[in-house]
Amino acid sequence: MDAHERLVSRVADEQDDILGTIQLVDGDGTLQDRLFEQLVDLLVEAMFLDLRESYLDGTIDRDAYVTELADLAERCRGLGLLPLPSRPA
């Protein structure tokens, strides 16, 4: 498994974990908010990984990848979704 596939797998696993955990903390608004923020961060990360996958599998060429990457980053910044918080080591 290459590094990109490991990242995709990690993000998907974390999304599943958070979706399952949110149901368990029903009634704790603070914790639900924190988990929701983490989920949004993971969804943003997944969008960038999906775009990279399109480049790696040849669906889009390098120029299109760079253009789409810049467009995605700009849209995310405009919505306050970038930069993502640093992940703890």
N, C-alpha and C. Protein backbone atom coordinates (compact mmCIF):
# COMPACT_ATOMS: atom_id res chain seq x y z
N MET A 1 0.85 -1.18 0.00
CA MET A 1 0.00 0.00 0.00
C MET A 1 0.90 1.24 0.00
N ASP A 2 0.65 2.15 -0.92
CA ASP A 2 1.48 3.35 -0.98
C ASP A 2 0.99 4.41 -0.01
N ALA A 3 1.77 5.48 0.11
CA ALA A 3 1.49 6.53 1.09
C ALA A 3 0.12 7.17 0.85
N HIS A 4 -0.23 7.41 -0.41
CA HIS A 4 -1.52 8.05 -0.71
C HIS A 4 -2.67 7.15 -0.26
N GLU A 5 -2.58 5.87 -0.56
CA GLU A 5 -3.64 4.94 -0.16
C GLU A 5 -3.75 4.86 1.36
N ARG A 6 -2.61 4.93 2.05
CA ARG A 6 -2.65 4.91 3.52
C ARG A 6 -3.36 6.15 4.06
N LEU A 7 -3.10 7.31 3.43
CA LEU A 7 -3.78 8.54 3.86
C LEU A 7 -5.28 8.43 3.64
N VAL A 8 -5.67 7.95 2.47
CA VAL A 8 -7.10 7.81 2.16
C VAL A 8 -7.75 6.87 3.16
N SER A 9 -7.08 5.76 3.45
CA SER A 9 -7.61 4.79 4.40
C SER A 9 -7.71 5.38 5.80
N ARG A 10 -6.70 6.12 6.23
CA ARG A 10 -6.71 6.73 7.56
C ARG A 10 -7.85 7.72 7.69
N VAL A 11 -8.03 8.57 6.68
CA VAL A 11 -9.09 9.58 6.72
C VAL A 11 -10.45 8.89 6.77
N ALA A 12 -10.65 7.86 5.95
CA ALA A 12 -11.93 7.14 5.95
C ALA A 12 -12.18 6.48 7.31
N ASP A 13 -11.15 5.87 7.88
CA ASP A 13 -11.29 5.24 9.20
C ASP A 13 -11.65 6.27 10.28
N GLU A 14 -10.98 7.42 10.24
CA GLU A 14 -11.27 8.46 11.23
C GLU A 14 -12.69 9.00 11.06
N GLN A 15 -13.14 9.15 9.80
CA GLN A 15 -14.51 9.60 9.57
C GLN A 15 -15.50 8.60 10.17
N ASP A 16 -15.27 7.32 9.93
CA ASP A 16 -16.15 6.29 10.49
C ASP A 16 -16.17 6.35 12.01
N ASP A 17 -14.99 6.49 12.61
CA ASP A 17 -14.90 6.56 14.07
C ASP A 17 -15.69 7.74 14.62
N ILE A 18 -15.54 8.88 13.99
CA ILE A 18 -16.23 10.09 14.47
C ILE A 18 -17.74 9.94 14.29
N LEU A 19 -18.17 9.41 13.15
CA LEU A 19 -19.60 9.25 12.93
C LEU A 19 -20.22 8.32 13.97
N GLY A 20 -19.49 7.29 14.34
CA GLY A 20 -19.97 6.39 15.39
C GLY A 20 -19.95 7.03 16.77
N THR A 21 -18.96 7.84 17.03
CA THR A 21 -18.80 8.46 18.34
C THR A 21 -19.81 9.57 18.57
N ILE A 22 -20.14 10.32 17.52
CA ILE A 22 -21.09 11.42 17.67
C ILE A 22 -22.41 10.91 18.25
N GLN A 23 -22.82 9.73 17.83
CA GLN A 23 -24.07 9.16 18.33
C GLN A 23 -23.98 8.82 19.82
N LEU A 24 -22.78 8.51 20.28
CA LEU A 24 -22.61 8.10 21.67
C LEU A 24 -22.56 9.27 22.65
N VAL A 25 -22.34 10.47 22.14
CA VAL A 25 -22.22 11.62 23.03
C VAL A 25 -23.44 12.54 22.92
N ASP A 26 -24.55 11.96 22.53
CA ASP A 26 -25.79 12.72 22.42
C ASP A 26 -26.08 13.43 23.74
N GLY A 27 -26.30 14.71 23.66
CA GLY A 27 -26.59 15.50 24.85
C GLY A 27 -25.40 16.31 25.35
N ASP A 28 -24.21 15.98 24.90
CA ASP A 28 -23.01 16.75 25.28
C ASP A 28 -22.65 17.66 24.11
N GLY A 29 -23.25 18.83 24.11
CA GLY A 29 -23.08 19.76 22.99
C GLY A 29 -21.65 20.14 22.69
N THR A 30 -20.85 20.33 23.73
CA THR A 30 -19.45 20.71 23.54
C THR A 30 -18.69 19.62 22.81
N LEU A 31 -18.88 18.40 23.25
CA LEU A 31 -18.18 17.28 22.63
C LEU A 31 -18.71 17.04 21.21
N GLN A 32 -20.00 17.15 21.02
CA GLN A 32 -20.56 17.00 19.69
C GLN A 32 -20.00 18.05 18.73
N ASP A 33 -19.89 19.29 19.20
CA ASP A 33 -19.34 20.36 18.36
C ASP A 33 -17.89 20.05 17.98
N ARG A 34 -17.12 19.59 18.94
CA ARG A 34 -15.72 19.25 18.68
C ARG A 34 -15.60 18.13 17.66
N LEU A 35 -16.42 17.10 17.81
CA LEU A 35 -16.40 15.98 16.87
C LEU A 35 -16.86 16.43 15.48
N PHE A 36 -17.87 17.31 15.44
CA PHE A 36 -18.34 17.81 14.16
C PHE A 36 -17.24 18.61 13.46
N GLU A 37 -16.51 19.43 14.20
CA GLU A 37 -15.40 20.18 13.62
C GLU A 37 -14.33 19.23 13.07
N GLN A 38 -14.04 18.17 13.80
CA GLN A 38 -13.07 17.18 13.32
C GLN A 38 -13.57 16.51 12.05
N LEU A 39 -14.86 16.20 12.01
CA LEU A 39 -15.44 15.58 10.82
C LEU A 39 -15.33 16.50 9.61
N VAL A 40 -15.63 17.76 9.80
CA VAL A 40 -15.52 18.72 8.69
C VAL A 40 -14.07 18.78 8.20
N ASP A 41 -13.11 18.81 9.12
CA ASP A 41 -11.70 18.82 8.72
C ASP A 41 -11.35 17.58 7.90
N LEU A 42 -11.85 16.44 8.33
CA LEU A 42 -11.58 15.20 7.59
C LEU A 42 -12.23 15.20 6.22
N LEU A 43 -13.42 15.77 6.12
CA LEU A 43 -14.08 15.85 4.82
C LEU A 43 -13.32 16.77 3.87
N VAL A 44 -12.80 17.86 4.39
CA VAL A 44 -11.97 18.76 3.57
C VAL A 44 -10.72 18.02 3.12
N GLU A 45 -10.08 17.33 4.05
CA GLU A 45 -8.88 16.57 3.70
C GLU A 45 -9.20 15.53 2.63
N ALA A 46 -10.36 14.89 2.73
CA ALA A 46 -10.76 13.89 1.75
C ALA A 46 -10.95 14.50 0.37
N MET A 47 -11.46 15.72 0.31
CA MET A 47 -11.62 16.38 -1.00
C MET A 47 -10.27 16.58 -1.67
N PHE A 48 -9.27 17.00 -0.89
CA PHE A 48 -7.94 17.18 -1.46
C PHE A 48 -7.33 15.84 -1.87
N LEU A 49 -7.56 14.81 -1.08
CA LEU A 49 -7.05 13.48 -1.43
C LEU A 49 -7.73 12.94 -2.68
N ASP A 50 -9.02 13.18 -2.83
CA ASP A 50 -9.74 12.75 -4.04
C ASP A 50 -9.18 13.45 -5.27
N LEU A 51 -8.90 14.72 -5.14
CA LEU A 51 -8.32 15.46 -6.25
C LEU A 51 -6.95 14.90 -6.61
N ARG A 52 -6.16 14.62 -5.59
CA ARG A 52 -4.83 14.04 -5.84
C ARG A 52 -4.95 12.68 -6.50
N GLU A 53 -5.92 11.90 -6.10
CA GLU A 53 -6.15 10.58 -6.69
C GLU A 53 -6.45 10.72 -8.19
N SER A 54 -7.23 11.73 -8.54
CA SER A 54 -7.53 11.97 -9.96
C SER A 54 -6.27 12.26 -10.75
N TYR A 55 -5.37 12.96 -10.15
CA TYR A 55 -4.08 13.25 -10.80
C TYR A 55 -3.23 11.99 -10.88
N LEU A 56 -3.14 11.26 -9.79
CA LEU A 56 -2.29 10.07 -9.75
C LEU A 56 -2.76 8.98 -10.70
N ASP A 57 -4.08 8.85 -10.87
CA ASP A 57 -4.58 7.80 -11.76
C ASP A 57 -4.70 8.26 -13.21
N GLY A 58 -4.31 9.51 -13.48
CA GLY A 58 -4.28 10.00 -14.85
C GLY A 58 -5.59 10.56 -15.36
N THR A 59 -6.58 10.68 -14.50
CA THR A 59 -7.87 11.24 -14.90
C THR A 59 -7.71 12.71 -15.33
N ILE A 60 -6.86 13.43 -14.61
CA ILE A 60 -6.56 14.81 -14.99
C ILE A 60 -5.04 14.97 -15.12
N ASP A 61 -4.63 15.90 -15.98
CA ASP A 61 -3.19 16.12 -16.15
C ASP A 61 -2.68 17.10 -15.09
N ARG A 62 -1.37 17.30 -15.11
CA ARG A 62 -0.74 18.14 -14.08
C ARG A 62 -1.29 19.55 -14.06
N ASP A 63 -1.45 20.16 -15.23
CA ASP A 63 -1.96 21.54 -15.28
C ASP A 63 -3.38 21.64 -14.70
N ALA A 64 -4.22 20.68 -15.05
CA ALA A 64 -5.59 20.69 -14.52
C ALA A 64 -5.56 20.45 -13.01
N TYR A 65 -4.67 19.57 -12.56
CA TYR A 65 -4.55 19.28 -11.13
C TYR A 65 -4.16 20.54 -10.36
N VAL A 66 -3.17 21.25 -10.85
CA VAL A 66 -2.71 22.47 -10.17
C VAL A 66 -3.83 23.51 -10.15
N THR A 67 -4.52 23.66 -11.26
CA THR A 67 -5.62 24.62 -11.33
C THR A 67 -6.74 24.25 -10.37
N GLU A 68 -7.14 22.99 -10.40
CA GLU A 68 -8.22 22.55 -9.52
C GLU A 68 -7.81 22.60 -8.05
N LEU A 69 -6.56 22.31 -7.78
CA LEU A 69 -6.05 22.38 -6.41
C LEU A 69 -6.13 23.81 -5.89
N ALA A 70 -5.69 24.76 -6.71
CA ALA A 70 -5.75 26.17 -6.32
C ALA A 70 -7.20 26.63 -6.13
N ASP A 71 -8.09 26.19 -7.03
CA ASP A 71 -9.51 26.56 -6.92
C ASP A 71 -10.14 26.00 -5.65
N LEU A 72 -9.84 24.73 -5.37
CA LEU A 72 -10.38 24.10 -4.17
C LEU A 72 -9.87 24.79 -2.91
N ALA A 73 -8.58 25.08 -2.89
CA ALA A 73 -8.00 25.77 -1.74
C ALA A 73 -8.64 27.14 -1.54
N GLU A 74 -8.85 27.86 -2.61
CA GLU A 74 -9.45 29.19 -2.52
C GLU A 74 -10.88 29.12 -2.01
N ARG A 75 -11.65 28.16 -2.51
CA ARG A 75 -13.04 28.00 -2.03
C ARG A 75 -13.05 27.65 -0.55
N CYS A 76 -12.17 26.74 -0.15
CA CYS A 76 -12.12 26.35 1.27
C CYS A 76 -11.70 27.52 2.15
N ARG A 77 -10.73 28.29 1.69
CA ARG A 77 -10.31 29.48 2.45
C ARG A 77 -11.46 30.46 2.59
N GLY A 78 -12.21 30.64 1.51
CA GLY A 78 -13.34 31.57 1.51
C GLY A 78 -14.42 31.17 2.51
N LEU A 79 -14.51 29.88 2.79
CA LEU A 79 -15.50 29.38 3.75
C LEU A 79 -14.92 29.21 5.15
N GLY A 80 -13.65 29.60 5.30
CA GLY A 80 -13.01 29.49 6.61
C GLY A 80 -12.56 28.07 6.96
N LEU A 81 -12.42 27.22 5.95
CA LEU A 81 -12.05 25.83 6.19
C LEU A 81 -10.55 25.57 6.09
N LEU A 82 -9.80 26.55 5.67
CA LEU A 82 -8.34 26.43 5.60
C LEU A 82 -7.73 27.61 6.32
N PRO A 83 -6.61 27.45 6.94
CA PRO A 83 -5.85 26.21 7.04
C PRO A 83 -6.47 25.28 8.07
N LEU A 84 -6.24 23.99 7.84
CA LEU A 84 -6.70 22.99 8.79
C LEU A 84 -5.85 23.07 10.04
N PRO A 85 -6.43 22.79 11.19
CA PRO A 85 -5.61 22.79 12.40
C PRO A 85 -4.56 21.68 12.33
N SER A 86 -3.46 21.91 12.96
CA SER A 86 -2.40 20.91 12.98
C SER A 86 -2.86 19.71 13.78
N ARG A 87 -2.51 18.54 13.28
CA ARG A 87 -2.86 17.30 13.98
C ARG A 87 -1.77 17.00 14.99
N PRO A 88 -2.19 16.53 16.15
CA PRO A 88 -1.17 16.14 17.14
C PRO A 88 -0.39 14.95 16.63
N ALA A 89 0.89 14.86 17.02
CA ALA A 89 1.73 13.75 16.55
C ALA A 89 1.37 12.45 17.22
